[in-house]
C-alpha atoms as a PDB file:
ATOM      1  CA  UNK A   1     158.164  74.562-218.807  1.00  0.00           C
ATOM      2  CA  UNK A   2     155.116  72.313-219.191  1.00  0.00           C
ATOM      3  CA  UNK A   3     155.028  72.748-222.948  1.00  0.00           C
ATOM      4  CA  UNK A   4     158.680  71.744-223.154  1.00  0.00           C
ATOM      5  CA  UNK A   5     157.989  68.509-221.278  1.00  0.00           C
ATOM      6  CA  UNK A   6     155.054  67.643-223.537  1.00  0.00           C
ATOM      7  CA  UNK A   7     157.063  68.361-226.678  1.00  0.00           C
ATOM      8  CA  UNK A   8     160.008  66.333-225.339  1.00  0.00           C
ATOM      9  CA  UNK A   9     157.700  63.372-224.608  1.00  0.00           C
ATOM     10  CA  UNK A  10     156.191  63.519-228.110  1.00  0.00           C
ATOM     11  CA  UNK A  11     159.622  63.748-229.741  1.00  0.00           C
ATOM     12  CA  UNK A  12     160.836  60.787-227.676  1.00  0.00           C
ATOM     13  CA  UNK A  13     157.799  58.686-228.644  1.00  0.00           C
ATOM     14  CA  UNK A  14     158.251  59.479-232.335  1.00  0.00           C
ATOM     15  CA  UNK A  15     161.970  58.700-232.128  1.00  0.00           C
ATOM     16  CA  UNK A  16     161.281  55.313-230.529  1.00  0.00           C
ATOM     17  CA  UNK A  17     158.663  54.490-233.182  1.00  0.00           C
ATOM     18  CA  UNK A  18     161.038  55.415-236.007  1.00  0.00           C
ATOM     19  CA  UNK A  19     163.830  53.402-234.398  1.00  0.00           C
ATOM     20  CA  UNK A  20     161.552  50.365-234.113  1.00  0.00           C
ATOM     21  CA  UNK A  21     160.462  50.625-237.744  1.00  0.00           C
ATOM     22  CA  UNK A  22     164.068  51.055-238.888  1.00  0.00           C
ATOM     23  CA  UNK A  23     165.195  47.965-236.960  1.00  0.00           C
ATOM     24  CA  UNK A  24     162.371  45.903-238.467  1.00  0.00           C
ATOM     25  CA  UNK A  25     163.322  47.148-241.925  1.00  0.00           C
ATOM     26  CA  UNK A  26     166.992  46.283-241.396  1.00  0.00           C
ATOM     27  CA  UNK A  27     166.127  42.775-240.174  1.00  0.00           C
ATOM     28  CA  UNK A  28     163.970  42.078-243.239  1.00  0.00           C
ATOM     29  CA  UNK A  29     160.613  42.062-241.476  1.00  0.00           C
ATOM     30  CA  UNK A  30     157.619  43.792-242.986  1.00  0.00           C
ATOM     31  CA  UNK A  31     154.299  44.904-241.563  1.00  0.00           C
ATOM     32  CA  UNK A  32     152.297  42.763-244.001  1.00  0.00           C
ATOM     33  CA  UNK A  33     154.201  39.521-243.459  1.00  0.00           C
ATOM     34  CA  UNK A  34     155.813  39.535-246.895  1.00  0.00           C
ATOM     35  CA  UNK A  35     153.472  36.969-248.461  1.00  0.00           C
ATOM     36  CA  UNK A  36     152.379  38.819-251.597  1.00  0.00           C
ATOM     37  CA  UNK A  37     150.447  35.845-252.961  1.00  0.00           C
ATOM     38  CA  UNK A  38     147.769  36.486-250.321  1.00  0.00           C
ATOM     39  CA  UNK A  39     147.862  40.287-250.458  1.00  0.00           C
ATOM     40  CA  UNK A  40     145.316  42.290-252.425  1.00  0.00           C
ATOM     41  CA  UNK A  41     147.504  45.397-252.125  1.00  0.00           C
ATOM     42  CA  UNK A  42     150.323  43.885-254.205  1.00  0.00           C
ATOM     43  CA  UNK A  43     148.367  43.396-257.426  1.00  0.00           C
END
């Protein structure tokens, strides 16, 4: 029973993280701020 609760908590946390990332993606936000002129990773 204890393992089930731990697995359920982990699955719920992952689901909330994915949902948050998906909502940010849908709203046009990005983790880097979207200013590629100041980003060394975009070159």
